[in-house]
Amino acid sequence: MILALALVAIGAPLLPLPDPVQPAAPSFGEPWPPQLRYPCGTDELGRDVCSRLIYGARLSLFIAACAAIGSVVTGTWIGLLAGYFGGFLDEVLMRSTDVVLSFPMLLLAIGVAALFEPSSTVLLFVIVAVGWTTTARTVRAEVMSIAQSTHVAAALGLGASRTRILLRHILPLLWPTLLTLAAITASHALLVDAGLSFIGLGVPPPAPSWGRMLSESQAYYRIAPWLMLFPGLMLTYAVAAFQLIAHGCTQRRR
């Protein structure tokens, strides 16, 4: 599912699609329903909805992938340091994690995003800033368990440094967990991206965004329900695909 969506998004410039930010039909103020020329209809400005959905997928998948990598890398190092070294460092890192976790993710993202001018870079920073906590706590628990294993004790007995133990004997065992967390984080990033775009704190117009398309469809949901239906289906499809990846990784671990 992700591969199909990624191929369509990457190949968007090669497809015979209208410009997603320019009017493709003279339907100003009166969206056209789906038809042969416009499979998903047009919006209130005459822009092709199908083109905007596909180009919106490029932006959403890029943000989701970068946010997943940034969140997992940040959370992994915090979890590694807290779980392996423990003590005062563990207390500081975990209490900081608890502070971030005490706020609802979307509410905290709104607060941080409101401090800066909307852009894709700010949106990515916001998602990473609020999305690393789950990874940090999960990795910490895994590291505390692995650190008690016999192969780590043997490495210590042979004189291996703590850095070598972390990188060679603990981190490789975390890859299945990290892949699961990356898929879950990507699905959450899609929802946060859509939520911030819905209230005007995401990527600024005229760049197409699924969340903004949903927001703009509110005024037309009675006479043009396709403006709400198709972005909602695309968002549901992408989130479900990442969640299925996470579920599959979990099943393989078992």
Protein backbone atom coordinates (compact mmCIF):
# COMPACT_ATOMS: atom_id res chain seq x y z
CA MET A 1 0.00 0.00 0.00
CA ILE A 2 2.79 2.42 0.88
CA LEU A 3 4.78 1.44 -2.21
CA ALA A 4 1.79 2.10 -4.48
CA LEU A 5 1.18 5.50 -2.90
CA ALA A 6 4.88 6.40 -3.03
CA LEU A 7 5.20 5.43 -6.70
CA VAL A 8 2.20 7.55 -7.65
CA ALA A 9 3.49 10.49 -5.58
CA ILE A 10 7.04 10.30 -6.95
CA GLY A 11 5.81 9.88 -10.52
CA ALA A 12 3.30 12.75 -10.28
CA PRO A 13 5.30 15.06 -12.63
CA LEU A 14 5.25 12.30 -15.28
CA LEU A 15 1.48 11.82 -15.10
CA PRO A 16 -0.89 13.81 -17.34
CA LEU A 17 -2.21 15.89 -14.45
CA PRO A 18 -3.21 19.56 -14.38
CA ASP A 19 -1.24 22.01 -12.26
CA PRO A 20 -2.45 21.42 -8.67
CA VAL A 21 -2.39 25.12 -7.78
CA GLN A 22 -3.84 26.56 -10.99
CA PRO A 23 -7.50 26.41 -12.15
CA ALA A 24 -8.09 23.55 -14.55
CA ALA A 25 -11.81 24.21 -15.18
CA PRO A 26 -14.05 27.31 -15.25
CA SER A 27 -15.94 26.24 -12.13
CA PHE A 28 -15.24 29.17 -9.80
CA GLY A 29 -17.56 29.02 -6.79
CA GLU A 30 -19.34 25.94 -8.14
CA PRO A 31 -17.28 22.73 -7.75
CA TRP A 32 -17.76 20.19 -10.52
CA PRO A 33 -18.61 16.60 -9.54
CA PRO A 34 -16.37 13.67 -10.56
CA GLN A 35 -16.41 13.06 -14.29
CA LEU A 36 -14.28 11.44 -16.97
CA ARG A 37 -11.93 14.41 -17.38
CA TYR A 38 -11.78 15.15 -13.64
CA PRO A 39 -12.05 11.76 -11.84
CA CYS A 40 -12.28 13.38 -8.39
CA GLY A 41 -14.06 16.55 -9.48
CA THR A 42 -12.86 20.12 -9.06
CA ASP A 43 -12.82 22.44 -6.05
CA GLU A 44 -14.35 25.88 -5.60
CA LEU A 45 -11.47 27.52 -7.54
CA GLY A 46 -11.60 25.10 -10.46
CA ARG A 47 -8.51 23.14 -9.41
CA ASP A 48 -8.39 19.43 -10.17
CA VAL A 49 -8.94 17.52 -6.92
CA CYS A 50 -7.16 14.38 -8.18
CA SER A 51 -4.04 16.36 -9.01
CA ARG A 52 -4.10 18.07 -5.61
CA LEU A 53 -4.49 14.71 -3.84
CA ILE A 54 -1.48 13.20 -5.61
CA TYR A 55 0.76 16.22 -5.15
CA GLY A 56 -0.45 16.43 -1.55
CA ALA A 57 0.72 12.83 -1.10
CA ARG A 58 4.25 13.89 -2.08
CA LEU A 59 4.34 16.44 0.72
CA SER A 60 2.60 14.25 3.31
CA LEU A 61 4.77 11.19 2.69
CA PHE A 62 7.95 13.29 2.76
CA ILE A 63 6.97 14.84 6.09
CA ALA A 64 5.89 11.46 7.51
CA ALA A 65 9.16 9.76 6.48
CA CYS A 66 11.41 12.56 7.74
CA ALA A 67 9.42 12.90 10.97
CA ALA A 68 9.61 9.15 11.59
CA ILE A 69 13.38 9.12 11.05
CA GLY A 70 13.96 12.22 13.18
CA SER A 71 11.70 11.06 16.02
CA VAL A 72 13.11 7.53 16.10
CA VAL A 73 16.74 8.68 15.99
CA THR A 74 16.17 11.24 18.76
CA GLY A 75 14.14 8.87 20.92
CA THR A 76 16.56 5.99 20.37
CA TRP A 77 19.59 7.88 21.64
CA ILE A 78 17.71 9.25 24.63
CA GLY A 79 16.40 5.77 25.45
CA LEU A 80 19.84 4.19 24.99
CA LEU A 81 21.55 6.65 27.32
CA ALA A 82 18.80 6.52 29.95
CA GLY A 83 18.43 2.72 29.91
CA TYR A 84 22.09 1.79 29.89
CA PHE A 85 23.70 4.38 32.14
CA GLY A 86 20.76 4.87 34.52
CA GLY A 87 21.18 6.92 37.68
CA PHE A 88 20.99 10.70 37.53
CA LEU A 89 21.10 10.77 33.71
CA ASP A 90 18.13 8.41 33.55
CA GLU A 91 16.16 10.60 35.98
CA VAL A 92 16.81 13.79 34.01
CA LEU A 93 15.99 12.27 30.62
CA MET A 94 12.87 10.42 31.75
CA ARG A 95 11.46 13.35 33.71
CA SER A 96 11.95 15.50 30.62
CA THR A 97 10.12 12.85 28.62
CA ASP A 98 7.29 12.82 31.16
CA VAL A 99 6.91 16.60 30.83
CA VAL A 100 6.44 16.32 27.07
CA LEU A 101 4.10 13.33 27.46
CA SER A 102 1.93 15.25 29.92
CA PHE A 103 0.61 17.39 27.05
CA PRO A 104 -1.69 16.00 24.33
CA MET A 105 0.41 15.63 21.18
CA LEU A 106 -1.78 17.74 18.91
CA LEU A 107 -2.24 20.46 21.53
CA LEU A 108 1.51 20.70 22.11
CA ALA A 109 2.12 20.73 18.36
CA ILE A 110 -0.35 23.59 17.95
CA GLY A 111 1.39 25.57 20.69
CA VAL A 112 4.84 25.11 19.15
CA ALA A 113 3.66 25.70 15.56
CA ALA A 114 1.92 28.94 16.56
CA LEU A 115 5.30 30.43 17.58
CA PHE A 116 6.73 30.28 14.07
CA GLU A 117 5.73 31.19 10.54
CA PRO A 118 4.10 28.14 8.88
CA SER A 119 6.42 26.18 6.57
CA SER A 120 7.31 22.58 5.83
CA THR A 121 10.52 22.91 7.89
CA VAL A 122 8.65 24.22 10.93
CA LEU A 123 6.01 21.52 10.54
CA LEU A 124 8.68 18.81 10.44
CA PHE A 125 10.43 20.28 13.49
CA VAL A 126 7.15 20.40 15.43
CA ILE A 127 6.30 16.77 14.69
CA VAL A 128 9.79 15.57 15.69
CA ALA A 129 9.72 17.72 18.83
CA VAL A 130 6.55 16.04 20.10
CA GLY A 131 6.97 12.57 18.58
CA TRP A 132 10.17 11.18 20.11
CA THR A 133 8.81 10.42 23.58
CA THR A 134 7.21 7.03 22.86
CA THR A 135 10.39 5.82 21.19
CA ALA A 136 12.52 6.99 24.12
CA ARG A 137 10.47 5.15 26.75
CA THR A 138 10.17 1.97 24.67
CA VAL A 139 13.89 1.86 23.85
CA ARG A 140 14.79 2.53 27.50
CA ALA A 141 12.75 -0.48 28.62
CA GLU A 142 14.31 -2.70 25.92
CA VAL A 143 17.84 -1.56 26.78
CA MET A 144 17.36 -2.21 30.50
CA SER A 145 16.28 -5.76 29.65
CA ILE A 146 19.08 -6.44 27.14
CA ALA A 147 21.74 -4.96 29.45
CA GLN A 148 21.08 -7.82 31.90
CA SER A 149 21.67 -10.53 29.28
CA THR A 150 24.62 -12.92 29.32
CA HIS A 151 26.19 -11.74 26.06
CA VAL A 152 26.46 -8.18 27.42
CA ALA A 153 28.02 -9.51 30.61
CA ALA A 154 30.47 -11.53 28.53
CA ALA A 155 31.43 -8.45 26.50
CA LEU A 156 32.03 -6.51 29.70
CA GLY A 157 34.17 -9.35 31.02
CA LEU A 158 36.28 -9.26 27.86
CA GLY A 159 36.94 -5.55 28.39
CA ALA A 160 34.58 -4.04 25.79
CA SER A 161 33.91 -0.35 26.26
CA ARG A 162 30.42 0.96 26.99
CA THR A 163 30.28 2.61 23.59
CA ARG A 164 31.11 -0.67 21.85
CA ILE A 165 28.51 -2.53 23.91
CA LEU A 166 25.83 0.03 23.03
CA LEU A 167 26.62 0.06 19.31
CA ARG A 168 27.56 -3.60 18.71
CA HIS A 169 25.70 -5.64 21.30
CA ILE A 170 22.53 -3.69 22.15
CA LEU A 171 21.54 -1.43 19.23
CA PRO A 172 21.36 -4.24 16.59
CA LEU A 173 18.83 -6.08 18.77
CA LEU A 174 16.56 -3.02 18.74
CA TRP A 175 16.03 -2.86 14.97
CA PRO A 176 12.70 -4.78 14.90
CA THR A 177 11.35 -2.51 17.66
CA LEU A 178 12.65 0.61 15.91
CA LEU A 179 11.01 -0.37 12.62
CA THR A 180 7.68 -0.82 14.40
CA LEU A 181 8.06 2.52 16.15
CA ALA A 182 9.00 4.24 12.88
CA ALA A 183 5.82 2.99 11.19
CA ILE A 184 3.66 4.10 14.12
CA THR A 185 5.39 7.49 14.26
CA ALA A 186 4.85 8.00 10.53
CA SER A 187 1.12 7.37 10.89
CA HIS A 188 0.95 9.82 13.81
CA ALA A 189 2.93 12.36 11.76
CA LEU A 190 0.36 12.16 8.98
CA LEU A 191 -2.42 12.91 11.45
CA VAL A 192 -0.55 15.79 13.09
CA ASP A 193 0.30 17.20 9.66
CA ALA A 194 -3.35 17.01 8.62
CA GLY A 195 -4.52 18.49 11.92
CA LEU A 196 -2.17 21.47 11.78
CA SER A 197 -2.97 22.09 8.12
CA PHE A 198 -6.67 21.91 8.93
CA ILE A 199 -6.40 24.86 11.32
CA GLY A 200 -3.98 26.82 9.14
CA LEU A 201 -0.70 26.04 10.93
CA GLY A 202 0.66 23.58 8.39
CA VAL A 203 2.38 24.15 5.06
CA PRO A 204 1.16 27.51 3.70
CA PRO A 205 -0.93 27.73 0.53
CA PRO A 206 -0.98 27.29 -2.39
CA ALA A 207 0.88 24.00 -1.73
CA PRO A 208 -1.72 21.19 -1.72
CA SER A 209 -2.28 19.50 1.64
CA TRP A 210 -4.84 16.88 2.64
CA GLY A 211 -5.60 18.68 5.88
CA ARG A 212 -6.18 22.02 4.15
CA MET A 213 -8.35 20.33 1.52
CA LEU A 214 -10.52 18.97 4.33
CA SER A 215 -10.69 22.40 5.91
CA GLU A 216 -11.67 24.11 2.66
CA SER A 217 -14.37 21.51 2.01
CA GLN A 218 -16.37 22.49 5.10
CA ALA A 219 -18.25 25.24 3.28
CA TYR A 220 -19.24 22.87 0.46
CA TYR A 221 -19.86 19.56 2.20
CA ARG A 222 -23.60 19.63 1.41
CA ILE A 223 -23.35 20.44 -2.29
CA ALA A 224 -19.90 18.97 -3.02
CA PRO A 225 -19.23 16.08 -0.61
CA TRP A 226 -16.42 14.74 -2.82
CA LEU A 227 -14.23 17.62 -1.67
CA MET A 228 -14.33 16.09 1.80
CA LEU A 229 -14.57 12.42 0.82
CA PHE A 230 -11.43 11.99 -1.31
CA PRO A 231 -8.89 13.72 1.02
CA GLY A 232 -10.39 11.81 3.95
CA LEU A 233 -10.01 8.51 2.10
CA MET A 234 -6.40 9.28 1.15
CA LEU A 235 -5.52 10.16 4.74
CA THR A 236 -7.24 7.02 6.05
CA TYR A 237 -5.48 4.87 3.44
CA ALA A 238 -2.01 6.22 4.29
CA VAL A 239 -2.47 5.98 8.07
CA ALA A 240 -3.88 2.45 7.80
CA ALA A 241 -0.94 1.39 5.60
CA PHE A 242 1.65 2.49 8.16
CA GLN A 243 -0.33 0.91 10.99
CA LEU A 244 -0.45 -2.39 9.06
CA ILE A 245 3.35 -2.25 8.67
CA ALA A 246 3.69 -1.79 12.42
CA HIS A 247 1.27 -4.67 13.05
CA GLY A 248 3.21 -6.92 10.67
CA CYS A 249 6.51 -6.11 12.38
CA THR A 250 4.97 -6.92 15.75
CA GLN A 251 3.67 -10.27 14.50
CA ARG A 252 7.08 -11.20 13.09
CA ARG A 253 8.74 -10.43 16.42
CA ARG A 254 6.36 -12.85 18.12
